[in-house]
């Protein structure tokens, strides 16, 4: 989610209660603590961030991937990961920011520098967004996406892809550039046919709270056919809050709702699914130790 569009997407309201803890730990592979805890106009205090991480750990989500969307949030994410053992970071200029002209040479150079830090384990979220960015920004988005792919490969880290209304274009660019070995489709939004195309290429599909929505049968079909070793789960907090709290602020501590729906969809026992999701996250991002 881009910082420029986040204020339009977030819904206000009371935080939902904690869910029943998971029987085994699982990783939130994509969250925005800088937005979810701090709001849109200020970065959060360290003690508030630490409390949010502790609340997630209390329900079985002890490890998080904090995602950058521009240079300031990427720096913040890298700094949080450097000081907190439960957090790893990703860094990038989001495609909507790129579409507005933010992926300038200096910004990309800083993303490249940050991507070399030891607890920065991916470049992203990067990709293409045909929903919030109009045709006038598409060329800039694609140029930025290609630059991020190259940084990920040069630095030997994973790639986290933002794909909104751009399925075919995303695959075209990845195929053309040569996707990094570890490529994650964040908040997977395609149908079963697109899932098959991604899985065949070896990409990892990460499902968010959207998979719990009543109108998202196509996502549940996609999740059901995804091999267990190519599956991740995320919150994209503070966005995409799972049912039954859709429309209220999301947080990593709410991810058990999504995990339990994924267990039903895949037919995998919850504890076994948690173990697989954790192993997949460690394969993609490395260990948190």
C-alpha atoms as a PDB file:
ATOM      1  CA  UNK A   1       0.000   0.000   0.000  1.00  0.00           C
ATOM      2  CA  UNK A   2       1.421   3.402  -0.886  1.00  0.00           C
ATOM      3  CA  UNK A   3       1.654   6.134   1.706  1.00  0.00           C
ATOM      4  CA  UNK A   4      -0.030   8.579  -0.676  1.00  0.00           C
ATOM      5  CA  UNK A   5      -3.125   6.383  -1.041  1.00  0.00           C
ATOM      6  CA  UNK A   6      -3.212   4.916   2.457  1.00  0.00           C
ATOM      7  CA  UNK A   7      -5.355   7.651   3.961  1.00  0.00           C
ATOM      8  CA  UNK A   8      -8.068   6.818   1.434  1.00  0.00           C
ATOM      9  CA  UNK A   9      -7.910   3.118   2.222  1.00  0.00           C
ATOM     10  CA  UNK A  10      -7.782   3.003   6.011  1.00  0.00           C
ATOM     11  CA  UNK A  11     -11.008   2.723   7.955  1.00  0.00           C
ATOM     12  CA  UNK A  12     -11.308   4.202  11.417  1.00  0.00           C
ATOM     13  CA  UNK A  13     -12.795   2.326  14.344  1.00  0.00           C
ATOM     14  CA  UNK A  14     -12.036   0.483  17.530  1.00  0.00           C
ATOM     15  CA  UNK A  15      -9.378  -2.190  17.431  1.00  0.00           C
ATOM     16  CA  UNK A  16     -10.889  -5.697  17.308  1.00  0.00           C
ATOM     17  CA  UNK A  17     -10.308  -8.067  20.237  1.00  0.00           C
ATOM     18  CA  UNK A  18      -7.493 -10.608  20.234  1.00  0.00           C
ATOM     19  CA  UNK A  19      -8.372 -13.913  18.554  1.00  0.00           C
ATOM     20  CA  UNK A  20      -7.763 -17.350  19.983  1.00  0.00           C
ATOM     21  CA  UNK A  21      -4.004 -18.003  19.808  1.00  0.00           C
ATOM     22  CA  UNK A  22      -2.676 -20.291  17.107  1.00  0.00           C
ATOM     23  CA  UNK A  23      -1.430 -23.736  18.174  1.00  0.00           C
ATOM     24  CA  UNK A  24       1.995 -23.083  16.606  1.00  0.00           C
ATOM     25  CA  UNK A  25       3.876 -19.931  15.627  1.00  0.00           C
ATOM     26  CA  UNK A  26       3.491 -18.359  12.197  1.00  0.00           C
ATOM     27  CA  UNK A  27       5.081 -15.379  10.434  1.00  0.00           C
ATOM     28  CA  UNK A  28       3.276 -12.248   9.270  1.00  0.00           C
ATOM     29  CA  UNK A  29       5.104 -11.888   5.961  1.00  0.00           C
ATOM     30  CA  UNK A  30       3.917  -8.345   5.195  1.00  0.00           C
ATOM     31  CA  UNK A  31       2.927  -5.571   7.591  1.00  0.00           C
ATOM     32  CA  UNK A  32       3.233  -1.779   7.895  1.00  0.00           C
ATOM     33  CA  UNK A  33       3.855  -1.021  11.556  1.00  0.00           C
ATOM     34  CA  UNK A  34       4.821   2.549  10.744  1.00  0.00           C
ATOM     35  CA  UNK A  35       1.287   3.172   9.453  1.00  0.00           C
ATOM     36  CA  UNK A  36      -0.704   0.801  11.650  1.00  0.00           C
ATOM     37  CA  UNK A  37       0.755   2.017  14.931  1.00  0.00           C
ATOM     38  CA  UNK A  38       1.756   5.562  14.084  1.00  0.00           C
ATOM     39  CA  UNK A  39      -1.042   6.633  11.801  1.00  0.00           C
ATOM     40  CA  UNK A  40      -0.480   8.450   8.540  1.00  0.00           C
ATOM     41  CA  UNK A  41       1.099  11.694   9.665  1.00  0.00           C
ATOM     42  CA  UNK A  42       3.701  10.591  12.195  1.00  0.00           C
ATOM     43  CA  UNK A  43       5.983   7.682  12.955  1.00  0.00           C
ATOM     44  CA  UNK A  44       5.129   5.715  16.102  1.00  0.00           C
ATOM     45  CA  UNK A  45       7.063   5.738  19.344  1.00  0.00           C
ATOM     46  CA  UNK A  46       9.277   2.704  19.901  1.00  0.00           C
ATOM     47  CA  UNK A  47       7.314   1.540  22.929  1.00  0.00           C
ATOM     48  CA  UNK A  48       4.055   1.487  20.957  1.00  0.00           C
ATOM     49  CA  UNK A  49       5.685  -0.550  18.194  1.00  0.00           C
ATOM     50  CA  UNK A  50       7.169  -2.967  20.719  1.00  0.00           C
ATOM     51  CA  UNK A  51       3.750  -3.391  22.361  1.00  0.00           C
ATOM     52  CA  UNK A  52       2.174  -4.194  18.988  1.00  0.00           C
ATOM     53  CA  UNK A  53       4.855  -6.793  18.250  1.00  0.00           C
ATOM     54  CA  UNK A  54       4.350  -8.327  21.697  1.00  0.00           C
ATOM     55  CA  UNK A  55       0.580  -8.485  21.174  1.00  0.00           C
ATOM     56  CA  UNK A  56       1.105 -10.399  17.945  1.00  0.00           C
ATOM     57  CA  UNK A  57       3.502 -12.811  19.648  1.00  0.00           C
ATOM     58  CA  UNK A  58       0.906 -13.488  22.346  1.00  0.00           C
ATOM     59  CA  UNK A  59      -1.499 -14.999  19.777  1.00  0.00           C
ATOM     60  CA  UNK A  60       1.123 -17.029  17.909  1.00  0.00           C
ATOM     61  CA  UNK A  61       2.575 -14.470  15.473  1.00  0.00           C
ATOM     62  CA  UNK A  62       6.027 -13.829  16.967  1.00  0.00           C
ATOM     63  CA  UNK A  63       7.853 -12.756  13.824  1.00  0.00           C
ATOM     64  CA  UNK A  64       7.040 -10.057  11.301  1.00  0.00           C
ATOM     65  CA  UNK A  65       8.278  -8.641   8.011  1.00  0.00           C
ATOM     66  CA  UNK A  66       8.059  -4.839   8.072  1.00  0.00           C
ATOM     67  CA  UNK A  67       7.643  -3.410   4.573  1.00  0.00           C
ATOM     68  CA  UNK A  68       8.886  -0.131   3.154  1.00  0.00           C
ATOM     69  CA  UNK A  69       6.960   1.842   0.529  1.00  0.00           C
ATOM     70  CA  UNK A  70       9.202   4.876   0.038  1.00  0.00           C
ATOM     71  CA  UNK A  71      12.651   6.008   1.132  1.00  0.00           C
ATOM     72  CA  UNK A  72      11.630   7.285   4.620  1.00  0.00           C
ATOM     73  CA  UNK A  73       9.565   4.192   5.467  1.00  0.00           C
ATOM     74  CA  UNK A  74      12.283   1.933   4.071  1.00  0.00           C
ATOM     75  CA  UNK A  75      14.865   3.570   6.325  1.00  0.00           C
ATOM     76  CA  UNK A  76      12.484   3.246   9.283  1.00  0.00           C
ATOM     77  CA  UNK A  77      11.847  -0.412   8.467  1.00  0.00           C
ATOM     78  CA  UNK A  78      15.565  -1.175   8.264  1.00  0.00           C
ATOM     79  CA  UNK A  79      16.175   0.597  11.571  1.00  0.00           C
ATOM     80  CA  UNK A  80      13.361  -1.309  13.295  1.00  0.00           C
ATOM     81  CA  UNK A  81      14.694  -4.639  12.029  1.00  0.00           C
ATOM     82  CA  UNK A  82      18.183  -3.750  13.206  1.00  0.00           C
ATOM     83  CA  UNK A  83      17.004  -3.163  16.777  1.00  0.00           C
ATOM     84  CA  UNK A  84      14.184  -5.707  17.157  1.00  0.00           C
ATOM     85  CA  UNK A  85      14.901  -9.456  16.925  1.00  0.00           C
ATOM     86  CA  UNK A  86      11.304 -10.281  15.926  1.00  0.00           C
ATOM     87  CA  UNK A  87      11.409  -8.135  12.787  1.00  0.00           C
ATOM     88  CA  UNK A  88      12.985  -8.329   9.335  1.00  0.00           C
ATOM     89  CA  UNK A  89      12.596  -5.582   6.737  1.00  0.00           C
ATOM     90  CA  UNK A  90      11.950  -4.971   3.068  1.00  0.00           C
ATOM     91  CA  UNK A  91      12.733  -1.740   1.214  1.00  0.00           C
ATOM     92  CA  UNK A  92      11.315  -0.161  -1.936  1.00  0.00           C
ATOM     93  CA  UNK A  93       9.610   2.704  -3.692  1.00  0.00           C
ATOM     94  CA  UNK A  94       5.999   1.563  -4.055  1.00  0.00           C
ATOM     95  CA  UNK A  95       4.624   1.463  -7.626  1.00  0.00           C
ATOM     96  CA  UNK A  96       2.099   4.200  -6.916  1.00  0.00           C
ATOM     97  CA  UNK A  97       4.900   6.399  -5.596  1.00  0.00           C
ATOM     98  CA  UNK A  98       6.920   5.512  -8.694  1.00  0.00           C
ATOM     99  CA  UNK A  99       3.966   6.454 -10.876  1.00  0.00           C
ATOM    100  CA  UNK A 100       4.033   9.885  -9.257  1.00  0.00           C
ATOM    101  CA  UNK A 101       7.705  10.307 -10.121  1.00  0.00           C
ATOM    102  CA  UNK A 102       9.299   9.299  -6.820  1.00  0.00           C
ATOM    103  CA  UNK A 103      11.570   6.550  -8.185  1.00  0.00           C
ATOM    104  CA  UNK A 104      14.344   8.977  -9.065  1.00  0.00           C
ATOM    105  CA  UNK A 105      17.982   7.950  -9.296  1.00  0.00           C
ATOM    106  CA  UNK A 106      18.818   9.062  -5.743  1.00  0.00           C
ATOM    107  CA  UNK A 107      15.845   7.178  -4.295  1.00  0.00           C
ATOM    108  CA  UNK A 108      16.760   3.964  -6.091  1.00  0.00           C
ATOM    109  CA  UNK A 109      20.370   4.338  -4.974  1.00  0.00           C
ATOM    110  CA  UNK A 110      19.189   4.567  -1.373  1.00  0.00           C
ATOM    111  CA  UNK A 111      16.992   1.480  -1.785  1.00  0.00           C
ATOM    112  CA  UNK A 112      20.029  -0.328  -3.166  1.00  0.00           C
ATOM    113  CA  UNK A 113      22.110   0.766  -0.169  1.00  0.00           C
ATOM    114  CA  UNK A 114      19.458  -0.318   2.316  1.00  0.00           C
ATOM    115  CA  UNK A 115      18.995  -3.661   0.555  1.00  0.00           C
ATOM    116  CA  UNK A 116      22.577  -4.555   1.480  1.00  0.00           C
ATOM    117  CA  UNK A 117      21.917  -4.279   5.235  1.00  0.00           C
ATOM    118  CA  UNK A 118      21.970  -7.629   7.053  1.00  0.00           C
ATOM    119  CA  UNK A 119      18.367  -7.587   8.331  1.00  0.00           C
ATOM    120  CA  UNK A 120      16.869  -6.238   5.107  1.00  0.00           C
ATOM    121  CA  UNK A 121      15.837  -9.440   3.351  1.00  0.00           C
ATOM    122  CA  UNK A 122      13.765  -8.319   0.382  1.00  0.00           C
ATOM    123  CA  UNK A 123      13.182  -5.558  -2.123  1.00  0.00           C
ATOM    124  CA  UNK A 124       9.544  -4.565  -2.176  1.00  0.00           C
ATOM    125  CA  UNK A 125       6.887  -3.841  -2.284  1.00  0.00           C
ATOM    126  CA  UNK A 126       7.453  -3.051  -5.910  1.00  0.00           C
ATOM    127  CA  UNK A 127       5.491  -3.914  -9.015  1.00  0.00           C
ATOM    128  CA  UNK A 128       2.646  -2.458 -11.047  1.00  0.00           C
ATOM    129  CA  UNK A 129      -0.661  -0.889 -10.041  1.00  0.00           C
ATOM    130  CA  UNK A 130      -3.211  -0.113 -12.739  1.00  0.00           C
ATOM    131  CA  UNK A 131      -5.904   0.822 -10.192  1.00  0.00           C
ATOM    132  CA  UNK A 132      -4.531   3.882  -8.397  1.00  0.00           C
ATOM    133  CA  UNK A 133      -2.094   5.029 -11.076  1.00  0.00           C
ATOM    134  CA  UNK A 134      -3.387   6.137 -14.458  1.00  0.00           C
ATOM    135  CA  UNK A 135      -1.802   5.490 -17.844  1.00  0.00           C
ATOM    136  CA  UNK A 136       0.375   8.585 -17.558  1.00  0.00           C
ATOM    137  CA  UNK A 137       2.338   6.883 -14.763  1.00  0.00           C
ATOM    138  CA  UNK A 138       2.614   3.351 -16.146  1.00  0.00           C
ATOM    139  CA  UNK A 139       5.954   3.794 -17.906  1.00  0.00           C
ATOM    140  CA  UNK A 140       7.529   5.172 -14.714  1.00  0.00           C
ATOM    141  CA  UNK A 141       6.080   2.274 -12.726  1.00  0.00           C
ATOM    142  CA  UNK A 142       7.513  -0.291 -15.089  1.00  0.00           C
ATOM    143  CA  UNK A 143      10.943   1.353 -15.134  1.00  0.00           C
ATOM    144  CA  UNK A 144      10.944   1.368 -11.325  1.00  0.00           C
ATOM    145  CA  UNK A 145       9.810  -2.262 -11.171  1.00  0.00           C
ATOM    146  CA  UNK A 146      12.631  -3.310 -13.459  1.00  0.00           C
ATOM    147  CA  UNK A 147      15.154  -1.379 -11.385  1.00  0.00           C
ATOM    148  CA  UNK A 148      13.908  -3.036  -8.180  1.00  0.00           C
ATOM    149  CA  UNK A 149      14.148  -6.492  -9.739  1.00  0.00           C
ATOM    150  CA  UNK A 150      17.767  -5.809 -10.625  1.00  0.00           C
ATOM    151  CA  UNK A 151      18.548  -4.569  -7.124  1.00  0.00           C
ATOM    152  CA  UNK A 152      17.024  -7.705  -5.599  1.00  0.00           C
ATOM    153  CA  UNK A 153      19.101  -9.934  -7.846  1.00  0.00           C
ATOM    154  CA  UNK A 154      22.293  -7.929  -7.321  1.00  0.00           C
ATOM    155  CA  UNK A 155      21.857  -8.047  -3.540  1.00  0.00           C
ATOM    156  CA  UNK A 156      20.735 -11.671  -3.445  1.00  0.00           C
ATOM    157  CA  UNK A 157      17.496 -10.951  -1.585  1.00  0.00           C
ATOM    158  CA  UNK A 158      13.861 -11.788  -2.226  1.00  0.00           C
ATOM    159  CA  UNK A 159      11.460  -9.706  -4.318  1.00  0.00           C
ATOM    160  CA  UNK A 160       8.054  -8.721  -2.920  1.00  0.00           C
ATOM    161  CA  UNK A 161       5.604  -7.895  -5.715  1.00  0.00           C
ATOM    162  CA  UNK A 162       2.629  -5.553  -5.555  1.00  0.00           C
ATOM    163  CA  UNK A 163       0.195  -6.493  -8.322  1.00  0.00           C
ATOM    164  CA  UNK A 164      -3.077  -4.653  -8.707  1.00  0.00           C
ATOM    165  CA  UNK A 165      -5.039  -5.067 -11.936  1.00  0.00           C
ATOM    166  CA  UNK A 166      -1.784  -5.851 -13.764  1.00  0.00           C
ATOM    167  CA  UNK A 167      -1.434  -9.637 -13.766  1.00  0.00           C
ATOM    168  CA  UNK A 168      -0.276 -10.130 -17.340  1.00  0.00           C
ATOM    169  CA  UNK A 169       2.022  -7.109 -17.256  1.00  0.00           C
ATOM    170  CA  UNK A 170       3.649  -8.290 -14.026  1.00  0.00           C
ATOM    171  CA  UNK A 171       4.474 -11.688 -15.504  1.00  0.00           C
ATOM    172  CA  UNK A 172       5.709 -10.076 -18.710  1.00  0.00           C
ATOM    173  CA  UNK A 173       8.211  -7.923 -16.814  1.00  0.00           C
ATOM    174  CA  UNK A 174       9.310 -10.740 -14.498  1.00  0.00           C
ATOM    175  CA  UNK A 175       9.814 -13.089 -17.419  1.00  0.00           C
ATOM    176  CA  UNK A 176      11.677 -10.431 -19.379  1.00  0.00           C
ATOM    177  CA  UNK A 177      14.015  -9.422 -16.542  1.00  0.00           C
ATOM    178  CA  UNK A 178      14.336 -12.889 -15.053  1.00  0.00           C
ATOM    179  CA  UNK A 179      12.613 -13.109 -11.681  1.00  0.00           C
ATOM    180  CA  UNK A 180      14.724 -13.530  -8.553  1.00  0.00           C
ATOM    181  CA  UNK A 181      14.755 -17.082  -7.240  1.00  0.00           C
ATOM    182  CA  UNK A 182      12.595 -15.992  -4.309  1.00  0.00           C
ATOM    183  CA  UNK A 183       9.700 -13.922  -5.645  1.00  0.00           C
ATOM    184  CA  UNK A 184       6.593 -13.318  -3.532  1.00  0.00           C
ATOM    185  CA  UNK A 185       3.233 -12.106  -4.799  1.00  0.00           C
ATOM    186  CA  UNK A 186       2.136  -9.991  -1.834  1.00  0.00           C
ATOM    187  CA  UNK A 187      -1.623  -9.993  -1.129  1.00  0.00           C
ATOM    188  CA  UNK A 188      -2.248 -12.356  -4.004  1.00  0.00           C
ATOM    189  CA  UNK A 189      -5.232 -11.050  -5.946  1.00  0.00           C
ATOM    190  CA  UNK A 190      -5.545 -13.327  -8.965  1.00  0.00           C
ATOM    191  CA  UNK A 191      -7.821 -16.187  -9.846  1.00  0.00           C
ATOM    192  CA  UNK A 192      -6.994 -19.880 -10.151  1.00  0.00           C
ATOM    193  CA  UNK A 193      -5.601 -19.528 -13.683  1.00  0.00           C
ATOM    194  CA  UNK A 194      -3.228 -16.750 -12.636  1.00  0.00           C
ATOM    195  CA  UNK A 195      -2.216 -18.722  -9.543  1.00  0.00           C
ATOM    196  CA  UNK A 196      -1.291 -21.679 -11.758  1.00  0.00           C
ATOM    197  CA  UNK A 197       0.828 -19.396 -13.967  1.00  0.00           C
ATOM    198  CA  UNK A 198       2.681 -18.006 -10.922  1.00  0.00           C
ATOM    199  CA  UNK A 199       3.121 -21.401  -9.260  1.00  0.00           C
ATOM    200  CA  UNK A 200       4.489 -22.882 -12.497  1.00  0.00           C
ATOM    201  CA  UNK A 201       7.194 -20.199 -12.431  1.00  0.00           C
ATOM    202  CA  UNK A 202       8.124 -21.087  -8.854  1.00  0.00           C
ATOM    203  CA  UNK A 203       6.730 -17.914  -7.311  1.00  0.00           C
ATOM    204  CA  UNK A 204       5.365 -17.795  -3.750  1.00  0.00           C
ATOM    205  CA  UNK A 205       1.788 -16.621  -3.184  1.00  0.00           C
ATOM    206  CA  UNK A 206       1.011 -14.687  -0.006  1.00  0.00           C
ATOM    207  CA  UNK A 207      -2.623 -14.462   1.076  1.00  0.00           C
ATOM    208  CA  UNK A 208      -4.028 -11.664   3.210  1.00  0.00           C
ATOM    209  CA  UNK A 209      -7.341 -11.102   5.001  1.00  0.00           C
ATOM    210  CA  UNK A 210      -9.037 -10.748   1.621  1.00  0.00           C
ATOM    211  CA  UNK A 211      -9.149 -14.548   1.397  1.00  0.00           C
ATOM    212  CA  UNK A 212     -11.736 -14.461   4.215  1.00  0.00           C
ATOM    213  CA  UNK A 213     -14.109 -12.080   2.410  1.00  0.00           C
ATOM    214  CA  UNK A 214     -17.462 -13.505   1.321  1.00  0.00           C
ATOM    215  CA  UNK A 215     -17.003 -12.277  -2.263  1.00  0.00           C
ATOM    216  CA  UNK A 216     -13.496 -13.763  -2.610  1.00  0.00           C
ATOM    217  CA  UNK A 217     -14.261 -17.304  -3.700  1.00  0.00           C
ATOM    218  CA  UNK A 218     -11.767 -16.922  -6.539  1.00  0.00           C
ATOM    219  CA  UNK A 219      -8.997 -16.286  -3.966  1.00  0.00           C
ATOM    220  CA  UNK A 220      -9.949 -19.370  -1.997  1.00  0.00           C
ATOM    221  CA  UNK A 221      -9.781 -21.395  -5.226  1.00  0.00           C
ATOM    222  CA  UNK A 222      -6.319 -19.961  -5.882  1.00  0.00           C
ATOM    223  CA  UNK A 223      -5.165 -20.775  -2.349  1.00  0.00           C
ATOM    224  CA  UNK A 224      -6.530 -24.310  -2.569  1.00  0.00           C
ATOM    225  CA  UNK A 225      -4.390 -25.132  -5.610  1.00  0.00           C
ATOM    226  CA  UNK A 226      -1.204 -23.473  -4.347  1.00  0.00           C
ATOM    227  CA  UNK A 227       1.383 -26.064  -3.241  1.00  0.00           C
ATOM    228  CA  UNK A 228       1.981 -25.915   0.488  1.00  0.00           C
ATOM    229  CA  UNK A 229       5.641 -24.988  -0.001  1.00  0.00           C
ATOM    230  CA  UNK A 230       4.704 -21.960  -2.139  1.00  0.00           C
ATOM    231  CA  UNK A 231       2.290 -20.429   0.354  1.00  0.00           C
ATOM    232  CA  UNK A 232       2.670 -17.488   2.735  1.00  0.00           C
ATOM    233  CA  UNK A 233       0.238 -15.516   4.879  1.00  0.00           C
ATOM    234  CA  UNK A 234       0.206 -11.818   5.742  1.00  0.00           C
ATOM    235  CA  UNK A 235      -1.878  -9.023   7.173  1.00  0.00           C
ATOM    236  CA  UNK A 236      -0.854  -5.973   5.100  1.00  0.00           C
ATOM    237  CA  UNK A 237      -1.844  -4.226   8.335  1.00  0.00           C
ATOM    238  CA  UNK A 238      -3.424  -1.814   8.960  1.00  0.00           C
ATOM    239  CA  UNK A 239      -5.327  -2.731   5.793  1.00  0.00           C
ATOM    240  CA  UNK A 240      -7.382  -5.753   4.658  1.00  0.00           C
ATOM    241  CA  UNK A 241      -8.687  -6.782   8.058  1.00  0.00           C
ATOM    242  CA  UNK A 242     -10.089 -10.331   7.946  1.00  0.00           C
ATOM    243  CA  UNK A 243     -13.679 -11.317   8.595  1.00  0.00           C
ATOM    244  CA  UNK A 244     -15.345 -10.888  11.089  1.00  0.00           C
ATOM    245  CA  UNK A 245     -13.719  -7.463  11.559  1.00  0.00           C
ATOM    246  CA  UNK A 246     -13.523  -6.260   7.978  1.00  0.00           C
ATOM    247  CA  UNK A 247     -13.497  -2.466   7.841  1.00  0.00           C
ATOM    248  CA  UNK A 248     -11.757  -2.012  11.184  1.00  0.00           C
ATOM    249  CA  UNK A 249      -8.003  -1.449  11.640  1.00  0.00           C
ATOM    250  CA  UNK A 250      -5.883  -4.523  11.018  1.00  0.00           C
ATOM    251  CA  UNK A 251      -2.845  -5.691  12.985  1.00  0.00           C
ATOM    252  CA  UNK A 252      -0.523  -8.682  13.017  1.00  0.00           C
ATOM    253  CA  UNK A 253      -2.311 -10.039  16.094  1.00  0.00           C
ATOM    254  CA  UNK A 254      -5.427 -10.590  13.964  1.00  0.00           C
ATOM    255  CA  UNK A 255      -3.700 -12.946  11.540  1.00  0.00           C
ATOM    256  CA  UNK A 256      -5.006 -16.132  13.246  1.00  0.00           C
ATOM    257  CA  UNK A 257      -8.361 -15.441  11.557  1.00  0.00           C
ATOM    258  CA  UNK A 258      -6.745 -15.624   8.114  1.00  0.00           C
ATOM    259  CA  UNK A 259      -4.622 -18.660   9.010  1.00  0.00           C
ATOM    260  CA  UNK A 260      -7.673 -20.620  10.128  1.00  0.00           C
ATOM    261  CA  UNK A 261      -9.534 -19.836   6.910  1.00  0.00           C
ATOM    262  CA  UNK A 262      -6.482 -20.918   4.894  1.00  0.00           C
ATOM    263  CA  UNK A 263      -6.446 -24.176   6.853  1.00  0.00           C
ATOM    264  CA  UNK A 264     -10.076 -24.815   5.884  1.00  0.00           C
ATOM    265  CA  UNK A 265      -9.430 -23.907   2.251  1.00  0.00           C
ATOM    266  CA  UNK A 266      -6.307 -26.053   1.884  1.00  0.00           C
ATOM    267  CA  UNK A 267      -7.534 -28.935   4.018  1.00  0.00           C
ATOM    268  CA  UNK A 268      -4.373 -28.775   6.122  1.00  0.00           C
ATOM    269  CA  UNK A 269      -4.571 -29.008   9.923  1.00  0.00           C
ATOM    270  CA  UNK A 270      -3.888 -25.604  11.518  1.00  0.00           C
ATOM    271  CA  UNK A 271      -0.729 -26.602  13.364  1.00  0.00           C
ATOM    272  CA  UNK A 272       0.706 -28.287  10.277  1.00  0.00           C
ATOM    273  CA  UNK A 273      -0.149 -25.237   8.189  1.00  0.00           C
ATOM    274  CA  UNK A 274       1.575 -22.939  10.680  1.00  0.00           C
ATOM    275  CA  UNK A 275       4.726 -25.050  10.511  1.00  0.00           C
ATOM    276  CA  UNK A 276       4.708 -24.958   6.700  1.00  0.00           C
ATOM    277  CA  UNK A 277       4.093 -21.202   6.576  1.00  0.00           C
ATOM    278  CA  UNK A 278       6.963 -20.611   8.998  1.00  0.00           C
ATOM    279  CA  UNK A 279       9.326 -22.834   7.013  1.00  0.00           C
ATOM    280  CA  UNK A 280       8.358 -21.031   3.810  1.00  0.00           C
ATOM    281  CA  UNK A 281       8.947 -17.624   5.377  1.00  0.00           C
ATOM    282  CA  UNK A 282      12.391 -18.696   6.552  1.00  0.00           C
ATOM    283  CA  UNK A 283      13.213 -20.017   3.095  1.00  0.00           C
ATOM    284  CA  UNK A 284      12.183 -16.732   1.499  1.00  0.00           C
ATOM    285  CA  UNK A 285      13.489 -14.228   4.049  1.00  0.00           C
ATOM    286  CA  UNK A 286      16.057 -16.206   6.029  1.00  0.00           C
ATOM    287  CA  UNK A 287      16.087 -16.697   9.782  1.00  0.00           C
ATOM    288  CA  UNK A 288      15.199 -14.039  12.324  1.00  0.00           C
ATOM    289  CA  UNK A 289      18.061 -15.049  14.669  1.00  0.00           C
END
